[in-house]
Amino acid sequence: MPSLGLTEASGLGSTTRGLSEFRLDSVGPPGPLFQAKVVDTETGRLVGEREEGEICFRGPAIMVGYANNPKATAELIDSDGWLRTGDVGYYDENNHLYITDRIKDLIKVKGYQVSPTELENVIMKYGNISDVAVAGVPHGNLGEAPRAWIVPAEGATIDIVSLMKYVADQVVQYKQLAGGVEIVDSLPRNPIGKILRKQLQHAYVPPHSKL
């Protein structure tokens, strides 16, 4: 069954406990004796139903802290005992949790946070695309800018200008692909299929650095 496992929570923070609780793409409601909340990733304020933020847990199974490292403990667990998971997601009307991103993967564009997954979903709707990854790359004016690496469908040719205009028409200005688009044969993934965005970022060469 889908679940959200956390070493710091001594096991499962949330889990789908039966077919009646199953929701597509959900990791289920909070587990027994656990509380969950979703907070704004910048301000820490509580967000509402189906609003994205950082998922936090509290309960008797949450670890006390890191041995001899109060600074690291304070960064992970607040004074009220809430554990920051580092996962971005939301909850629905039945308190089921959904994970959409990791905070470390969010792209920071002039103070705004942009979800790579959101842009990947938009790009896939363009058509004739087999796979896509979006990550932030350095940008002189924006700090970071979203950049897309695209694997075309077999036999397809992608018009980059057309694709960038399509995305621009679907999203607000700061979410546009100001970092550009690169056509690739494949995307790096780990053994369980997760895109290795860091690998793409490390291989990126800014235009002014190219020979």
Protein backbone atom coordinates (compact mmCIF):
# COMPACT_ATOMS: atom_id res chain seq x y z
CA MET A 1 0.00 0.00 0.00
CA PRO A 2 1.22 3.59 -0.67
CA SER A 3 2.86 5.22 2.34
CA LEU A 4 5.31 7.88 3.45
CA GLY A 5 8.20 6.35 5.36
CA LEU A 6 10.45 8.40 7.61
CA THR A 7 13.44 7.16 9.57
CA GLU A 8 13.01 10.17 11.88
CA ALA A 9 9.44 9.05 12.58
CA SER A 10 10.48 5.49 13.42
CA GLY A 11 8.57 4.13 10.46
CA LEU A 12 5.52 5.33 8.59
CA GLY A 13 4.22 8.86 8.87
CA SER A 14 1.25 8.08 6.66
CA THR A 15 -0.16 4.98 5.03
CA THR A 16 -3.16 3.70 3.11
CA ARG A 17 -4.58 1.10 5.46
CA GLY A 18 -7.10 -0.52 3.12
CA LEU A 19 -8.71 -0.36 -0.32
CA SER A 20 -11.41 1.97 1.02
CA GLU A 21 -8.70 4.57 1.71
CA PHE A 22 -6.84 4.16 -1.57
CA ARG A 23 -6.39 7.33 -3.62
CA LEU A 24 -4.44 7.54 -6.85
CA ASP A 25 -1.02 9.17 -6.19
CA SER A 26 -1.75 9.60 -2.46
CA VAL A 27 0.49 8.32 0.34
CA GLY A 28 -2.58 8.02 2.53
CA PRO A 29 -3.76 9.80 5.69
CA PRO A 30 -1.54 10.25 8.76
CA GLY A 31 -0.68 6.99 10.52
CA PRO A 32 -1.97 5.99 13.96
CA LEU A 33 -1.05 8.52 16.69
CA PHE A 34 0.39 10.89 14.06
CA GLN A 35 -0.70 14.43 13.28
CA ALA A 36 0.13 16.09 9.98
CA LYS A 37 0.04 19.65 8.70
CA VAL A 38 1.07 21.45 5.52
CA VAL A 39 2.80 24.82 5.82
CA ASP A 40 4.02 27.49 3.45
CA THR A 41 7.64 26.72 2.58
CA GLU A 42 8.70 30.34 3.10
CA THR A 43 6.56 31.68 5.95
CA GLY A 44 5.66 28.50 7.83
CA ARG A 45 1.98 29.50 7.93
CA LEU A 46 -0.66 26.79 7.66
CA VAL A 47 -2.06 26.38 4.15
CA GLY A 48 -5.50 25.19 3.18
CA GLU A 49 -6.91 22.11 1.50
CA ARG A 50 -5.16 21.29 -1.80
CA GLU A 51 -2.66 24.14 -1.33
CA GLU A 52 0.96 23.03 -1.71
CA GLY A 53 3.45 23.41 1.11
CA GLU A 54 5.87 21.41 3.23
CA ILE A 55 4.39 18.33 4.91
CA CYS A 56 5.14 18.12 8.65
CA PHE A 57 4.43 15.36 11.17
CA ARG A 58 4.08 15.19 14.94
CA GLY A 59 3.58 12.17 17.19
CA PRO A 60 5.07 9.97 19.92
CA ALA A 61 7.27 8.07 17.45
CA ILE A 62 9.10 11.19 16.23
CA MET A 63 12.77 11.06 17.19
CA VAL A 64 13.98 13.27 20.06
CA GLY A 65 16.79 14.71 17.97
CA TYR A 66 20.32 14.19 16.69
CA ALA A 67 22.84 13.20 19.34
CA ASN A 68 25.09 16.09 20.37
CA ASN A 69 23.84 18.25 17.48
CA PRO A 70 21.20 20.74 18.70
CA LYS A 71 21.58 22.94 15.61
CA ALA A 72 20.67 20.13 13.21
CA THR A 73 17.84 19.07 15.52
CA ALA A 74 16.37 22.58 15.59
CA GLU A 75 16.49 22.76 11.78
CA LEU A 76 14.48 19.54 11.53
CA ILE A 77 12.12 19.63 14.53
CA ASP A 78 10.53 22.82 15.85
CA SER A 79 9.82 23.72 19.47
CA ASP A 80 6.31 22.25 19.23
CA GLY A 81 7.61 18.86 18.08
CA TRP A 82 6.72 19.18 14.38
CA LEU A 83 9.09 17.28 12.08
CA ARG A 84 9.84 18.93 8.74
CA THR A 85 9.88 16.21 6.08
CA GLY A 86 11.38 18.22 3.21
CA ASP A 87 8.51 16.95 1.05
CA VAL A 88 6.26 19.38 -0.79
CA GLY A 89 2.65 18.33 -1.12
CA TYR A 90 -0.95 18.91 -0.11
CA TYR A 91 -3.92 17.25 1.58
CA ASP A 92 -7.44 16.66 0.28
CA GLU A 93 -10.88 16.89 1.86
CA ASN A 94 -10.38 13.45 3.44
CA ASN A 95 -6.97 14.34 4.92
CA HIS A 96 -5.11 12.15 2.42
CA LEU A 97 -1.61 13.43 1.69
CA TYR A 98 -0.08 13.85 -1.76
CA ILE A 99 3.63 14.46 -2.46
CA THR A 100 4.47 16.63 -5.45
CA ASP A 101 8.12 17.65 -4.98
CA ARG A 102 11.09 17.93 -2.66
CA ILE A 103 11.98 21.33 -1.20
CA LYS A 104 15.60 20.89 -2.32
CA ASP A 105 14.38 20.53 -5.93
CA LEU A 106 12.32 23.74 -5.97
CA ILE A 107 13.68 26.42 -8.31
CA LYS A 108 14.13 29.87 -6.73
CA VAL A 109 13.35 32.53 -9.32
CA LYS A 110 13.75 36.08 -7.93
CA GLY A 111 12.30 35.04 -4.59
CA TYR A 112 9.56 32.88 -6.09
CA GLN A 113 9.60 29.11 -5.71
CA VAL A 114 8.86 27.08 -8.84
CA SER A 115 7.94 23.40 -8.84
CA PRO A 116 9.85 21.35 -11.45
CA THR A 117 7.09 18.74 -11.43
CA GLU A 118 4.44 21.32 -12.32
CA LEU A 119 6.44 22.43 -15.36
CA GLU A 120 7.18 18.83 -16.37
CA ASN A 121 3.44 18.10 -16.37
CA VAL A 122 2.79 21.16 -18.53
CA ILE A 123 5.52 20.21 -21.01
CA MET A 124 4.28 16.62 -21.37
CA LYS A 125 0.93 17.97 -22.56
CA TYR A 126 2.68 19.61 -25.53
CA GLY A 127 2.81 16.23 -27.21
CA ASN A 128 5.43 14.11 -28.99
CA ILE A 129 7.55 14.01 -25.83
CA SER A 130 8.74 10.73 -24.34
CA ASP A 131 10.38 12.07 -21.18
CA VAL A 132 11.18 15.41 -19.56
CA ALA A 133 13.07 16.84 -16.61
CA VAL A 134 13.09 20.41 -15.32
CA ALA A 135 15.65 21.88 -12.95
CA GLY A 136 17.03 25.27 -12.00
CA VAL A 137 20.18 26.64 -13.60
CA PRO A 138 22.13 29.83 -12.80
CA HIS A 139 20.75 33.00 -14.39
CA GLY A 140 22.27 36.47 -14.25
CA ASN A 141 19.00 38.37 -13.71
CA LEU A 142 16.79 35.79 -12.02
CA GLY A 143 19.21 33.98 -9.74
CA GLU A 144 17.90 30.66 -11.00
CA ALA A 145 15.81 29.87 -14.05
CA PRO A 146 13.84 26.77 -15.06
CA ARG A 147 15.50 24.72 -17.78
CA ALA A 148 13.97 21.68 -19.50
CA TRP A 149 15.73 18.59 -20.80
CA ILE A 150 13.47 16.80 -23.27
CA VAL A 151 13.48 13.35 -24.86
CA PRO A 152 11.32 13.46 -28.01
CA ALA A 153 8.97 10.60 -28.81
CA GLU A 154 10.37 8.15 -31.34
CA GLY A 155 10.54 9.77 -34.78
CA ALA A 156 9.34 13.15 -33.48
CA THR A 157 11.05 16.52 -33.86
CA ILE A 158 10.49 19.18 -31.22
CA ASP A 159 10.43 22.86 -32.21
CA ILE A 160 12.05 24.48 -29.18
CA VAL A 161 10.70 27.99 -29.90
CA SER A 162 7.18 26.64 -30.27
CA LEU A 163 7.50 24.61 -27.08
CA MET A 164 8.76 27.57 -25.06
CA LYS A 165 5.86 29.70 -26.31
CA TYR A 166 3.43 26.92 -25.39
CA VAL A 167 4.76 26.81 -21.84
CA ALA A 168 4.75 30.62 -21.58
CA ASP A 169 1.06 30.62 -22.50
CA GLN A 170 0.28 28.14 -19.70
CA VAL A 171 2.19 29.60 -16.73
CA VAL A 172 2.97 32.92 -15.04
CA GLN A 173 6.07 34.81 -16.16
CA TYR A 174 8.47 33.64 -13.44
CA LYS A 175 7.73 29.99 -14.25
CA GLN A 176 8.69 30.30 -17.93
CA LEU A 177 11.66 28.36 -19.32
CA ALA A 178 14.13 31.24 -19.09
CA GLY A 179 16.93 28.70 -18.65
CA GLY A 180 16.25 27.25 -22.09
CA VAL A 181 15.42 23.83 -23.49
CA GLU A 182 17.81 21.04 -24.40
CA ILE A 183 16.94 18.01 -26.52
CA VAL A 184 18.58 14.84 -25.20
CA ASP A 185 18.51 11.13 -25.98
CA SER A 186 17.76 10.05 -22.40
CA LEU A 187 17.55 11.32 -18.83
CA PRO A 188 19.67 10.11 -15.90
CA ARG A 189 17.62 8.15 -13.37
CA ASN A 190 18.44 6.21 -10.21
CA PRO A 191 17.58 2.48 -9.86
CA ILE A 192 14.01 3.24 -8.73
CA GLY A 193 13.38 5.60 -11.65
CA LYS A 194 13.78 9.01 -9.98
CA ILE A 195 15.22 11.68 -12.25
CA LEU A 196 18.70 12.79 -11.15
CA ARG A 197 18.18 16.53 -11.52
CA LYS A 198 21.49 17.33 -9.80
CA GLN A 199 23.34 15.40 -12.48
CA LEU A 200 21.69 17.49 -15.19
CA GLN A 201 22.49 20.70 -13.31
CA HIS A 202 26.14 19.75 -12.85
CA ALA A 203 26.50 18.97 -16.57
CA TYR A 204 24.92 22.28 -17.61
CA VAL A 205 27.28 24.83 -19.15
CA PRO A 206 26.00 28.46 -19.17
CA PRO A 207 25.97 30.02 -22.68
CA HIS A 208 28.73 32.56 -21.87
CA SER A 209 30.98 29.68 -20.74
CA LYS A 210 30.75 27.71 -23.96
CA LEU A 211 33.78 27.68 -26.24
